[in-house]
Amino acid sequence: MNDFSSGTQALVLVLFTTLVTVTLLMCVMAGPDRDDLTNFYTGYLSLTPLKNGLAIAGDYISAATVLSTTGIIALTGYDGYVLAVSTALSLVLLMFLLAEPLRNAGRFTMGDVLARNMPGRAVRIAACLVTLSATLPFLVVQLSGAGSLLTFILDIPHAAGARTASIVIVGTLMIIYAAIGGMRGTALIQMIKIVLLLGTSIAVAALVLNRFDWSPGDILRAAQHGSGAGPAYLQQGLQLGTSTGGRLDFVGFQITVILGVACLPHITMRLYSAQDVPAVRRSMSWAVGTVTAFCLLVIIMGTGAAALVGSQHITAADPHGRTSVLMLSQMLGGAPGSAGAAILYSAVAGMVFITLLSSVAGMTLAAASSLAHDLFAHAVRRGRAEPRTEMTVAAWTSVAVGIVAIGLATMVQYWDAGVLTTLAICIGASAVAPALTYSLFWRGFTRTGLLATLYGGAACALLLMVFSRAVSGTPSAVFPHADFDLFPMQSTGLVSIPFGYLAGWLGSRLDHRLRAADSREQRLLYEESEARLLAAAE
């Protein structure tokens, strides 16, 4: 319970209703025509670099970044700081390595990039399946967390019916945003979200610093005391331990975040909506600057939560600290029942709510677009689908993806579903990142290598995650009383990332089915587009 008055809860409800009304209206007004694929998938390439950069940052900063990372910082200190920095570095890596080639090579989805030199149904199907495997777990986590968060925000008893109703409401809204708004509609929501997110976070961070007379040293000393860990708060090990295995797991997870987060399909899809290569370059500059600034704010807010709220109160409300930023706003707003406390708490609650809505809407759009464009239009119809038909399929697949995600989120709402976030990032780092880098930069990459990378990297990450310590064998695991943790880590990156790259290399080298003439033809096809891709020509 959040100990706020009915007046504050009424203010929160009014704010939520206003946000939903405004964003739904904007989606309807910005929605594409029924037969205009370019508008649905890219928003007519009409967004300016600033707007597109804010939309990329909005898609990139999910509810997990806002809530979970803040909680990890509040509870583990140094480990959370490194996670926040790794999150920002991932987008920097995308900017300097992949953004411009992706904009040149892609059209609507990741499947367009991968099928550029290796067309065929098998490639499209693989791209669709990997997109779903990287997007759906993330989507389920966001929705399952919506249940507990909204019941906390609205001060509703944590009954199954209330949590399920919250999941269904958020899931229904995400379906409407994705099906009606398309790329342009969801971009507008992301822009609203990022402006509210930055504004509210700046206010909270400023109040934290002001409470300690703008002295970082005082904040850190108070955080060490509030966390209960003392000097260990500023040392690695509170999250995964200080043993050799814990340190390896820590390094592996940071590598996975750096390689995997920015390569997730709902992030790379935003790059195709830039007008041209100079525009995508400027868009990424805005996005990187925005995300970096927000990660700094997250560090301040997480440290402030440890200092002012304390780990005991944070873990009592949520063992993983996901409500820490909400509890921090309660501490900073003034006396309970005061106008300042009500306004600040309502602002933070609104920020969390719009973050949840926009995050799930972008992921739903990416999954539905891959199903409609890669699977239906190219794998089933072999590129001969009418635009109106593909648009209809995209709308209905948004509904289907949303219903499946709502059902799964309802089933796992009482689990520690955070492991699904790790799984999605591991698939992004182990399958999507190798496939994109190989297909864009290696002339010898073949269809067999591509399929081996996509299926092999994703399967390796999934298999290792099932038998990891995040699923069983530890008190914080999904099944704490089970014991089938054959893989002694909580993330799979140290093994699955090299496996994904190795599978692509071996698949290409051992592809004896390709005739020499076919190999030469594929090589020529790559060379024809290589200069345009790597020189960032328009």
Protein backbone atom coordinates (compact mmCIF):
# COMPACT_ATOMS: atom_id res chain seq x y z
CA MET A 1 0.00 0.00 0.00
CA ASN A 2 1.21 3.52 -0.75
CA ASP A 3 -0.45 5.33 2.20
CA PHE A 4 -1.90 8.13 0.09
CA SER A 5 -5.29 9.73 0.52
CA SER A 6 -8.28 9.20 -1.71
CA GLY A 7 -7.73 12.67 -3.15
CA THR A 8 -4.29 11.68 -4.39
CA GLN A 9 -5.67 8.48 -5.89
CA ALA A 10 -8.36 10.51 -7.64
CA LEU A 11 -5.67 12.81 -9.06
CA VAL A 12 -3.72 9.80 -10.32
CA LEU A 13 -6.85 8.38 -11.98
CA VAL A 14 -7.59 11.71 -13.67
CA LEU A 15 -4.02 11.87 -14.95
CA PHE A 16 -4.16 8.31 -16.26
CA THR A 17 -7.47 8.97 -18.01
CA THR A 18 -6.09 12.15 -19.58
CA LEU A 19 -2.97 10.38 -20.86
CA VAL A 20 -5.01 7.54 -22.36
CA THR A 21 -7.46 9.94 -24.01
CA VAL A 22 -4.77 12.16 -25.51
CA THR A 23 -2.61 9.30 -26.78
CA LEU A 24 -5.57 7.44 -28.27
CA LEU A 25 -6.71 10.59 -30.05
CA MET A 26 -3.22 11.17 -31.45
CA CYS A 27 -3.04 7.56 -32.66
CA VAL A 28 -6.36 7.88 -34.48
CA MET A 29 -5.36 11.18 -36.08
CA ALA A 30 -1.91 9.92 -37.11
CA GLY A 31 -3.10 6.49 -38.25
CA PRO A 32 -2.22 5.41 -41.79
CA ASP A 33 -4.59 4.84 -44.70
CA ARG A 34 -5.77 1.26 -45.05
CA ASP A 35 -3.69 0.58 -48.16
CA ASP A 36 -0.58 2.65 -47.42
CA LEU A 37 2.18 0.29 -46.27
CA THR A 38 4.88 2.95 -46.25
CA ASN A 39 2.86 5.10 -43.89
CA PHE A 40 2.05 2.19 -41.57
CA TYR A 41 5.61 0.82 -41.35
CA THR A 42 7.62 4.06 -41.56
CA GLY A 43 5.20 6.96 -41.03
CA TYR A 44 5.94 8.29 -44.55
CA LEU A 45 9.53 8.94 -43.42
CA SER A 46 8.10 12.26 -42.27
CA LEU A 47 9.62 12.55 -38.80
CA THR A 48 12.36 15.12 -38.34
CA PRO A 49 15.66 13.90 -36.87
CA LEU A 50 14.74 15.37 -33.48
CA LYS A 51 11.32 13.69 -33.40
CA ASN A 52 12.69 10.39 -34.68
CA GLY A 53 15.54 10.54 -32.18
CA LEU A 54 13.08 11.06 -29.34
CA ALA A 55 10.97 8.16 -30.66
CA ILE A 56 14.05 5.89 -30.78
CA ALA A 57 14.95 6.90 -27.22
CA GLY A 58 11.35 6.30 -26.15
CA ASP A 59 11.34 2.80 -27.60
CA TYR A 60 14.78 2.12 -26.12
CA ILE A 61 13.88 3.20 -22.58
CA SER A 62 11.41 0.55 -21.51
CA ALA A 63 9.61 0.16 -18.22
CA ALA A 64 12.37 -2.29 -17.24
CA THR A 65 14.95 0.48 -17.63
CA VAL A 66 12.92 2.95 -15.60
CA LEU A 67 11.82 0.63 -12.80
CA SER A 68 14.12 -2.39 -12.67
CA THR A 69 17.39 -0.54 -13.24
CA THR A 70 16.47 2.04 -10.63
CA GLY A 71 15.66 -0.78 -8.22
CA ILE A 72 18.91 -2.61 -8.95
CA ILE A 73 20.87 0.57 -8.25
CA ALA A 74 18.97 1.12 -5.02
CA LEU A 75 19.63 -2.42 -3.81
CA THR A 76 23.06 -3.28 -5.26
CA GLY A 77 24.81 0.03 -5.92
CA TYR A 78 27.87 -0.52 -8.10
CA ASP A 79 26.33 -3.40 -10.07
CA GLY A 80 23.38 -1.18 -10.96
CA TYR A 81 25.66 1.69 -11.95
CA VAL A 82 27.47 -0.54 -14.44
CA LEU A 83 24.14 -1.78 -15.82
CA ALA A 84 22.98 1.79 -16.45
CA VAL A 85 26.25 2.63 -18.22
CA SER A 86 26.04 -0.57 -20.31
CA THR A 87 22.51 0.36 -21.35
CA ALA A 88 23.72 3.69 -22.72
CA LEU A 89 26.77 2.09 -24.38
CA SER A 90 24.55 -0.34 -26.29
CA LEU A 91 22.86 2.52 -28.16
CA VAL A 92 26.25 4.14 -28.80
CA LEU A 93 27.41 0.87 -30.39
CA LEU A 94 24.31 0.79 -32.60
CA MET A 95 24.93 4.38 -33.65
CA PHE A 96 28.54 3.92 -34.73
CA LEU A 97 28.40 0.39 -36.14
CA LEU A 98 24.97 -0.50 -37.52
CA ALA A 99 22.63 2.48 -37.78
CA GLU A 100 23.62 3.83 -41.21
CA PRO A 101 24.07 0.45 -42.95
CA LEU A 102 20.74 -0.69 -41.51
CA ARG A 103 18.98 2.40 -42.84
CA ASN A 104 20.42 1.74 -46.31
CA ALA A 105 19.73 -1.99 -46.31
CA GLY A 106 16.34 -2.12 -44.63
CA ARG A 107 12.86 -1.16 -45.68
CA PHE A 108 10.30 -2.16 -43.08
CA THR A 109 11.59 -5.03 -40.88
CA MET A 110 14.73 -6.93 -39.92
CA GLY A 111 13.73 -9.57 -42.48
CA ASP A 112 14.23 -7.00 -45.27
CA VAL A 113 17.84 -6.48 -44.16
CA LEU A 114 18.64 -10.19 -43.88
CA ALA A 115 16.92 -11.09 -47.18
CA ARG A 116 18.69 -8.33 -49.10
CA ASN A 117 21.38 -10.68 -50.44
CA MET A 118 19.75 -13.98 -49.45
CA PRO A 119 16.12 -13.85 -50.53
CA GLY A 120 13.88 -16.80 -49.84
CA ARG A 121 11.10 -18.11 -47.63
CA ALA A 122 13.48 -19.79 -45.17
CA VAL A 123 15.20 -16.49 -44.36
CA ARG A 124 11.91 -14.65 -43.91
CA ILE A 125 10.51 -17.37 -41.64
CA ALA A 126 13.68 -17.44 -39.54
CA ALA A 127 13.68 -13.64 -39.23
CA CYS A 128 10.05 -13.69 -38.11
CA LEU A 129 10.58 -16.46 -35.54
CA VAL A 130 13.62 -14.77 -34.02
CA THR A 131 11.79 -11.44 -33.94
CA LEU A 132 8.97 -13.07 -32.00
CA SER A 133 11.36 -14.91 -29.66
CA ALA A 134 13.15 -11.64 -28.84
CA THR A 135 10.03 -9.49 -28.59
CA LEU A 136 7.36 -11.66 -26.96
CA PRO A 137 9.28 -12.40 -23.70
CA PHE A 138 9.97 -8.68 -23.26
CA LEU A 139 6.30 -7.95 -23.92
CA VAL A 140 5.14 -10.50 -21.36
CA VAL A 141 7.46 -9.05 -18.71
CA GLN A 142 6.15 -5.52 -19.26
CA LEU A 143 2.53 -6.66 -19.05
CA SER A 144 3.00 -8.93 -16.03
CA GLY A 145 4.73 -6.10 -14.20
CA ALA A 146 1.86 -3.77 -15.09
CA GLY A 147 -0.46 -5.73 -12.83
CA SER A 148 1.52 -5.33 -9.62
CA LEU A 149 2.64 -1.78 -10.41
CA LEU A 150 -0.81 -0.42 -11.18
CA THR A 151 -2.30 -2.02 -8.08
CA PHE A 152 0.48 -0.40 -6.05
CA ILE A 153 0.05 3.00 -7.72
CA LEU A 154 -3.74 3.00 -7.33
CA ASP A 155 -3.56 1.51 -3.83
CA ILE A 156 -5.69 -1.50 -4.77
CA PRO A 157 -5.34 -4.70 -2.71
CA HIS A 158 -3.11 -7.17 -4.58
CA ALA A 159 -5.91 -9.56 -5.43
CA ALA A 160 -5.65 -11.74 -8.51
CA GLY A 161 -8.67 -10.07 -10.10
CA ALA A 162 -7.22 -6.56 -9.78
CA ARG A 163 -3.84 -7.55 -11.19
CA THR A 164 -5.41 -9.46 -14.05
CA ALA A 165 -7.70 -6.53 -14.84
CA SER A 166 -4.67 -4.19 -14.94
CA ILE A 167 -2.88 -6.52 -17.36
CA VAL A 168 -5.93 -6.74 -19.62
CA ILE A 169 -6.43 -2.95 -19.64
CA VAL A 170 -2.81 -2.18 -20.52
CA GLY A 171 -2.76 -5.01 -23.09
CA THR A 172 -5.95 -3.77 -24.75
CA LEU A 173 -4.57 -0.26 -25.05
CA MET A 174 -1.30 -1.52 -26.56
CA ILE A 175 -3.29 -3.46 -29.20
CA ILE A 176 -5.21 -0.33 -30.15
CA TYR A 177 -2.06 1.80 -30.36
CA ALA A 178 -0.23 -0.70 -32.59
CA ALA A 179 -3.17 -1.63 -34.84
CA ILE A 180 -4.50 1.89 -35.39
CA GLY A 181 -1.49 4.15 -35.03
CA GLY A 182 1.20 2.23 -36.89
CA MET A 183 4.74 3.60 -36.85
CA ARG A 184 3.74 7.27 -36.81
CA GLY A 185 1.13 6.85 -34.08
CA THR A 186 3.44 4.90 -31.78
CA ALA A 187 6.22 7.41 -32.49
CA LEU A 188 4.02 10.23 -31.20
CA ILE A 189 3.34 8.24 -28.03
CA GLN A 190 7.07 7.63 -27.59
CA MET A 191 7.75 11.34 -27.92
CA ILE A 192 5.15 12.20 -25.30
CA LYS A 193 6.61 9.53 -23.05
CA ILE A 194 10.21 10.68 -23.34
CA VAL A 195 9.33 14.32 -22.65
CA LEU A 196 7.33 13.34 -19.54
CA LEU A 197 10.01 10.88 -18.51
CA LEU A 198 12.85 13.38 -18.73
CA GLY A 199 10.88 16.19 -17.11
CA THR A 200 9.73 14.08 -14.15
CA SER A 201 13.13 12.40 -13.71
CA ILE A 202 14.94 15.75 -13.72
CA ALA A 203 12.57 17.02 -11.02
CA VAL A 204 13.04 13.93 -8.85
CA ALA A 205 16.84 13.92 -9.31
CA ALA A 206 17.03 17.62 -8.49
CA LEU A 207 15.03 17.09 -5.30
CA VAL A 208 17.37 14.24 -4.31
CA LEU A 209 20.45 16.39 -4.85
CA ASN A 210 18.86 19.33 -3.06
CA ARG A 211 18.07 17.14 -0.05
CA PHE A 212 21.83 16.54 0.32
CA ASP A 213 22.91 20.10 -0.55
CA TRP A 214 24.07 18.95 -3.99
CA SER A 215 26.87 16.87 -2.48
CA PRO A 216 27.44 13.53 -4.29
CA GLY A 217 29.63 12.34 -1.43
CA ASP A 218 26.85 12.85 1.12
CA ILE A 219 24.38 10.97 -1.09
CA LEU A 220 26.75 8.02 -1.50
CA ARG A 221 27.45 7.83 2.23
CA ALA A 222 23.73 7.90 3.00
CA ALA A 223 23.11 5.25 0.33
CA GLN A 224 25.73 2.96 1.85
CA HIS A 225 23.99 3.28 5.19
CA GLY A 226 20.47 2.95 3.81
CA SER A 227 21.33 -0.11 1.74
CA GLY A 228 22.62 -1.94 4.79
CA ALA A 229 25.66 -3.08 2.81
CA GLY A 230 28.10 -0.42 3.95
CA PRO A 231 31.22 -0.05 1.77
CA ALA A 232 30.15 -3.11 -0.27
CA TYR A 233 27.47 -0.89 -1.86
CA LEU A 234 30.17 0.74 -3.98
CA GLN A 235 31.85 -2.55 -4.90
CA GLN A 236 30.95 -5.24 -7.40
CA GLY A 237 29.21 -8.30 -6.06
CA LEU A 238 25.94 -7.45 -4.32
CA GLN A 239 23.85 -8.68 -7.24
CA LEU A 240 25.68 -11.81 -8.43
CA GLY A 241 28.32 -12.43 -5.76
CA THR A 242 32.07 -11.95 -5.60
CA SER A 243 33.12 -15.50 -6.46
CA THR A 244 34.84 -16.27 -9.76
CA GLY A 245 31.55 -17.52 -11.18
CA GLY A 246 29.74 -14.40 -9.98
CA ARG A 247 32.32 -12.12 -11.56
CA LEU A 248 32.15 -14.03 -14.86
CA ASP A 249 28.37 -13.85 -14.75
CA PHE A 250 28.56 -10.11 -14.12
CA VAL A 251 30.91 -9.54 -17.07
CA GLY A 252 28.83 -11.78 -19.32
CA PHE A 253 25.62 -9.94 -18.47
CA GLN A 254 27.13 -6.53 -19.23
CA ILE A 255 28.47 -7.79 -22.58
CA THR A 256 25.03 -9.19 -23.36
CA VAL A 257 23.37 -5.86 -22.57
CA ILE A 258 25.83 -3.89 -24.70
CA LEU A 259 25.43 -6.19 -27.73
CA GLY A 260 21.81 -7.17 -27.34
CA VAL A 261 19.58 -4.32 -26.18
CA ALA A 262 20.05 -1.99 -29.14
CA CYS A 263 19.73 -4.88 -31.63
CA LEU A 264 16.24 -5.87 -30.48
CA PRO A 265 13.84 -5.70 -33.46
CA HIS A 266 11.57 -2.98 -32.04
CA ILE A 267 14.64 -0.71 -31.73
CA THR A 268 16.17 -1.31 -35.16
CA MET A 269 12.74 -0.91 -36.77
CA ARG A 270 12.78 2.77 -35.83
CA LEU A 271 15.83 3.36 -38.03
CA TYR A 272 13.84 2.65 -41.19
CA SER A 273 11.57 5.63 -40.52
CA ALA A 274 14.41 8.14 -40.97
CA GLN A 275 14.26 10.13 -44.19
CA ASP A 276 17.83 9.37 -45.31
CA VAL A 277 21.27 8.50 -43.95
CA PRO A 278 22.16 12.02 -42.72
CA ALA A 279 18.79 12.06 -40.98
CA VAL A 280 19.39 8.72 -39.26
CA ARG A 281 22.79 9.97 -38.15
CA ARG A 282 21.25 13.06 -36.55
CA SER A 283 18.39 10.99 -35.13
CA MET A 284 20.83 8.66 -33.42
CA SER A 285 22.73 11.63 -31.99
CA TRP A 286 19.54 12.89 -30.37
CA ALA A 287 18.67 9.38 -29.17
CA VAL A 288 22.09 8.70 -27.66
CA GLY A 289 22.16 12.06 -25.91
CA THR A 290 18.67 11.54 -24.50
CA VAL A 291 19.33 7.99 -23.29
CA THR A 292 22.69 8.93 -21.76
CA ALA A 293 21.11 11.81 -19.87
CA PHE A 294 18.32 9.58 -18.62
CA CYS A 295 20.74 6.88 -17.46
CA LEU A 296 22.54 9.52 -15.38
CA LEU A 297 19.19 10.51 -13.87
CA VAL A 298 18.44 6.85 -13.12
CA ILE A 299 21.73 6.59 -11.22
CA ILE A 300 20.82 9.62 -9.12
CA MET A 301 17.28 8.38 -8.45
CA GLY A 302 18.40 4.86 -7.57
CA THR A 303 21.08 6.14 -5.21
CA GLY A 304 18.58 8.55 -3.71
CA ALA A 305 16.12 5.71 -3.11
CA ALA A 306 18.78 3.76 -1.23
CA ALA A 307 19.68 6.84 0.81
CA LEU A 308 16.19 8.10 1.64
CA VAL A 309 13.92 5.05 1.51
CA GLY A 310 16.30 2.27 2.51
CA SER A 311 16.62 -1.27 1.22
CA GLN A 312 14.38 -2.78 3.91
CA HIS A 313 11.37 -0.68 2.96
CA ILE A 314 12.08 -1.13 -0.77
CA THR A 315 12.29 -4.92 -0.62
CA ALA A 316 9.23 -5.09 1.64
CA ALA A 317 7.18 -3.49 -1.15
CA ASP A 318 8.88 -5.41 -3.97
CA PRO A 319 11.84 -7.83 -3.59
CA HIS A 320 13.37 -6.55 -6.83
CA GLY A 321 12.97 -2.86 -6.04
CA ARG A 322 10.71 -2.01 -8.97
CA THR A 323 8.64 0.38 -6.84
CA SER A 324 11.67 2.27 -5.51
CA VAL A 325 11.17 5.35 -7.70
CA LEU A 326 7.52 5.57 -6.58
CA MET A 327 8.52 5.24 -2.93
CA LEU A 328 11.22 7.86 -3.46
CA SER A 329 8.62 10.32 -4.77
CA GLN A 330 6.63 9.77 -1.57
CA MET A 331 9.66 10.71 0.51
CA LEU A 332 10.53 13.80 -1.53
CA GLY A 333 7.08 15.34 -1.94
CA GLY A 334 6.68 16.43 1.66
CA ALA A 335 4.31 15.38 4.38
CA PRO A 336 1.71 12.73 3.45
CA GLY A 337 -1.48 14.42 2.27
CA SER A 338 0.25 17.65 1.26
CA ALA A 339 -0.23 19.16 -2.17
CA GLY A 340 3.45 18.72 -3.03
CA ALA A 341 3.42 15.03 -2.16
CA ALA A 342 0.25 14.45 -4.21
CA ILE A 343 1.56 16.31 -7.26
CA LEU A 344 4.98 14.65 -7.28
CA TYR A 345 3.60 11.16 -6.72
CA SER A 346 0.98 11.67 -9.43
CA ALA A 347 3.63 12.89 -11.88
CA VAL A 348 5.86 9.87 -11.24
CA ALA A 349 2.87 7.51 -11.43
CA GLY A 350 1.86 9.06 -14.75
CA MET A 351 5.42 8.65 -16.02
CA VAL A 352 5.39 4.97 -15.09
CA PHE A 353 1.98 4.46 -16.69
CA ILE A 354 2.85 6.08 -20.03
CA THR A 355 6.18 4.21 -20.04
CA LEU A 356 4.35 0.90 -19.69
CA LEU A 357 1.88 1.78 -22.45
CA SER A 358 4.43 3.04 -24.96
CA SER A 359 6.90 0.20 -24.35
CA VAL A 360 4.39 -2.56 -25.01
CA ALA A 361 2.91 -0.71 -28.00
CA GLY A 362 6.28 -0.51 -29.78
CA MET A 363 7.05 -4.17 -29.16
CA THR A 364 3.61 -5.23 -30.36
CA LEU A 365 4.06 -3.24 -33.57
CA ALA A 366 7.46 -4.86 -34.24
CA ALA A 367 6.10 -8.38 -33.72
CA ALA A 368 2.97 -7.76 -35.80
CA SER A 369 4.95 -6.12 -38.60
CA SER A 370 7.27 -9.12 -38.87
CA LEU A 371 4.33 -11.53 -38.95
CA ALA A 372 2.51 -9.52 -41.61
CA HIS A 373 5.46 -8.45 -43.76
CA ASP A 374 7.97 -11.30 -43.43
CA LEU A 375 5.76 -14.31 -42.78
CA PHE A 376 2.54 -13.48 -44.64
CA ALA A 377 3.56 -11.14 -47.45
CA HIS A 378 6.88 -12.80 -48.36
CA ALA A 379 6.91 -16.35 -47.00
CA VAL A 380 3.27 -17.21 -47.68
CA ARG A 381 2.38 -14.89 -50.57
CA ARG A 382 5.94 -14.76 -51.96
CA GLY A 383 5.91 -10.96 -52.20
CA ARG A 384 2.66 -10.77 -54.15
CA ALA A 385 0.33 -9.61 -51.35
CA GLU A 386 -1.78 -6.53 -52.00
CA PRO A 387 -0.98 -3.55 -49.76
CA ARG A 388 -4.53 -3.42 -48.41
CA THR A 389 -4.39 -7.14 -47.59
CA GLU A 390 -1.04 -6.81 -45.84
CA MET A 391 -2.34 -3.84 -43.84
CA THR A 392 -5.36 -5.86 -42.75
CA VAL A 393 -3.13 -8.76 -41.74
CA ALA A 394 -0.85 -6.39 -39.80
CA ALA A 395 -3.82 -5.03 -37.84
CA TRP A 396 -5.14 -8.49 -37.00
CA THR A 397 -1.70 -9.83 -36.08
CA SER A 398 -1.40 -6.91 -33.65
CA VAL A 399 -4.57 -8.19 -32.04
CA ALA A 400 -3.28 -11.78 -32.05
CA VAL A 401 0.11 -10.85 -30.57
CA GLY A 402 -1.60 -8.77 -27.93
CA ILE A 403 -4.01 -11.53 -26.92
CA VAL A 404 -1.20 -14.08 -26.65
CA ALA A 405 0.92 -11.65 -24.61
CA ILE A 406 -2.00 -10.86 -22.29
CA GLY A 407 -2.68 -14.56 -21.76
CA LEU A 408 0.95 -15.36 -21.00
CA ALA A 409 1.33 -12.34 -18.73
CA THR A 410 -1.72 -13.40 -16.76
CA MET A 411 -0.28 -16.89 -16.33
CA VAL A 412 3.10 -15.67 -15.04
CA GLN A 413 1.93 -12.62 -13.06
CA TYR A 414 3.05 -14.17 -9.75
CA TRP A 415 6.38 -15.45 -11.09
CA ASP A 416 9.68 -13.64 -11.10
CA ALA A 417 9.26 -12.95 -14.81
CA GLY A 418 12.38 -10.78 -14.97
CA VAL A 419 14.23 -13.79 -16.38
CA LEU A 420 12.26 -13.26 -19.60
CA THR A 421 13.89 -9.85 -19.99
CA THR A 422 17.30 -11.48 -19.72
CA LEU A 423 16.23 -14.13 -22.25
CA ALA A 424 15.10 -11.50 -24.77
CA ILE A 425 18.37 -9.56 -24.45
CA CYS A 426 20.40 -12.78 -24.75
CA ILE A 427 18.55 -13.69 -27.97
CA GLY A 428 19.21 -10.19 -29.29
CA ALA A 429 22.93 -10.52 -28.54
CA SER A 430 23.31 -14.17 -29.60
CA ALA A 431 21.16 -14.31 -32.74
CA VAL A 432 20.15 -10.87 -34.00
CA ALA A 433 23.49 -9.09 -33.49
CA PRO A 434 25.60 -11.80 -35.25
CA ALA A 435 23.10 -12.06 -38.10
CA LEU A 436 23.09 -8.30 -38.71
CA THR A 437 26.85 -7.82 -38.47
CA TYR A 438 27.61 -10.79 -40.71
CA SER A 439 25.00 -9.91 -43.33
CA LEU A 440 26.12 -6.28 -43.50
CA PHE A 441 29.90 -6.67 -43.31
CA TRP A 442 30.95 -10.16 -44.46
CA ARG A 443 30.94 -11.03 -48.15
CA GLY A 444 31.23 -14.75 -47.49
CA PHE A 445 28.08 -14.98 -45.38
CA THR A 446 25.66 -17.52 -46.88
CA ARG A 447 22.04 -18.49 -46.39
CA THR A 448 23.03 -21.55 -44.40
CA GLY A 449 25.25 -19.43 -42.18
CA LEU A 450 22.42 -16.97 -41.63
CA LEU A 451 19.96 -19.70 -40.65
CA ALA A 452 22.57 -21.30 -38.38
CA THR A 453 23.16 -17.97 -36.66
CA LEU A 454 19.48 -17.17 -36.17
CA TYR A 455 18.30 -20.60 -35.07
CA GLY A 456 21.54 -21.66 -33.36
CA GLY A 457 22.06 -18.46 -31.38
CA ALA A 458 18.42 -18.28 -30.27
CA ALA A 459 18.23 -21.99 -29.39
CA CYS A 460 21.50 -21.86 -27.44
CA ALA A 461 20.33 -18.85 -25.42
CA LEU A 462 16.95 -20.46 -24.71
CA LEU A 463 18.40 -23.85 -23.74
CA LEU A 464 21.04 -22.41 -21.44
CA MET A 465 18.52 -20.05 -19.84
CA VAL A 466 16.16 -22.93 -19.00
CA PHE A 467 18.98 -24.69 -17.13
CA SER A 468 20.49 -21.53 -15.64
CA ARG A 469 20.55 -20.34 -12.04
CA ALA A 470 17.99 -17.68 -12.94
CA VAL A 471 15.35 -20.39 -13.37
CA SER A 472 16.23 -22.80 -10.54
CA GLY A 473 18.72 -23.51 -7.79
CA THR A 474 18.78 -20.13 -6.01
CA PRO A 475 16.35 -18.34 -3.64
CA SER A 476 15.77 -15.60 -6.23
CA ALA A 477 15.13 -18.02 -9.13
CA VAL A 478 11.78 -18.51 -10.86
CA PHE A 479 11.53 -21.97 -9.25
CA PRO A 480 13.55 -21.56 -6.06
CA HIS A 481 12.72 -25.03 -4.71
CA ALA A 482 13.70 -26.86 -7.90
CA ASP A 483 17.25 -27.86 -8.73
CA PHE A 484 18.09 -28.33 -12.41
CA ASP A 485 20.59 -25.47 -12.76
CA LEU A 486 23.11 -27.28 -14.97
CA PHE A 487 24.39 -23.95 -16.34
CA PRO A 488 26.09 -22.12 -13.44
CA MET A 489 25.18 -18.56 -14.46
CA GLN A 490 22.12 -16.32 -14.58
CA SER A 491 22.76 -14.99 -18.09
CA THR A 492 23.90 -16.94 -21.13
CA GLY A 493 25.94 -14.34 -23.00
CA LEU A 494 29.44 -15.67 -22.32
CA VAL A 495 28.51 -18.91 -24.12
CA SER A 496 25.59 -18.10 -26.42
CA ILE A 497 27.13 -15.01 -28.06
CA PRO A 498 30.30 -16.80 -29.24
CA PHE A 499 28.10 -19.75 -30.24
CA GLY A 500 25.91 -17.50 -32.42
CA TYR A 501 28.91 -16.02 -34.23
CA LEU A 502 30.60 -19.42 -34.55
CA ALA A 503 27.44 -21.02 -35.94
CA GLY A 504 27.24 -18.36 -38.66
CA TRP A 505 30.89 -18.77 -39.58
CA LEU A 506 30.77 -22.56 -39.66
CA GLY A 507 27.48 -22.61 -41.54
CA SER A 508 28.92 -20.38 -44.23
CA ARG A 509 32.22 -22.26 -44.47
CA LEU A 510 30.64 -25.71 -44.51
CA ASP A 511 27.83 -24.86 -46.90
CA HIS A 512 28.54 -27.54 -49.52
CA ARG A 513 25.11 -27.26 -51.07
CA LEU A 514 25.91 -23.98 -52.78
CA ARG A 515 27.34 -24.43 -56.24
CA ALA A 516 30.27 -22.30 -57.27
CA ALA A 517 28.12 -20.28 -59.67
CA ASP A 518 25.63 -19.53 -56.93
CA SER A 519 28.44 -18.44 -54.63
CA ARG A 520 29.79 -16.06 -57.28
CA GLU A 521 26.32 -14.67 -57.91
CA GLN A 522 25.75 -14.03 -54.21
CA ARG A 523 29.15 -12.41 -53.88
CA LEU A 524 28.43 -10.09 -56.82
CA LEU A 525 25.07 -9.20 -55.31
CA TYR A 526 26.77 -8.19 -52.08
CA GLU A 527 29.47 -6.19 -53.88
CA GLU A 528 26.86 -4.24 -55.84
CA SER A 529 25.36 -2.89 -52.62
CA GLU A 530 28.51 -2.82 -50.48
CA ALA A 531 29.63 0.68 -51.45
CA ARG A 532 26.20 2.13 -50.80
CA LEU A 533 25.89 0.38 -47.46
CA LEU A 534 29.29 1.04 -45.97
CA ALA A 535 29.84 4.51 -47.42
CA ALA A 536 26.43 5.59 -46.11
CA ALA A 537 25.36 6.84 -49.51
CA GLU A 538 21.80 7.98 -49.86
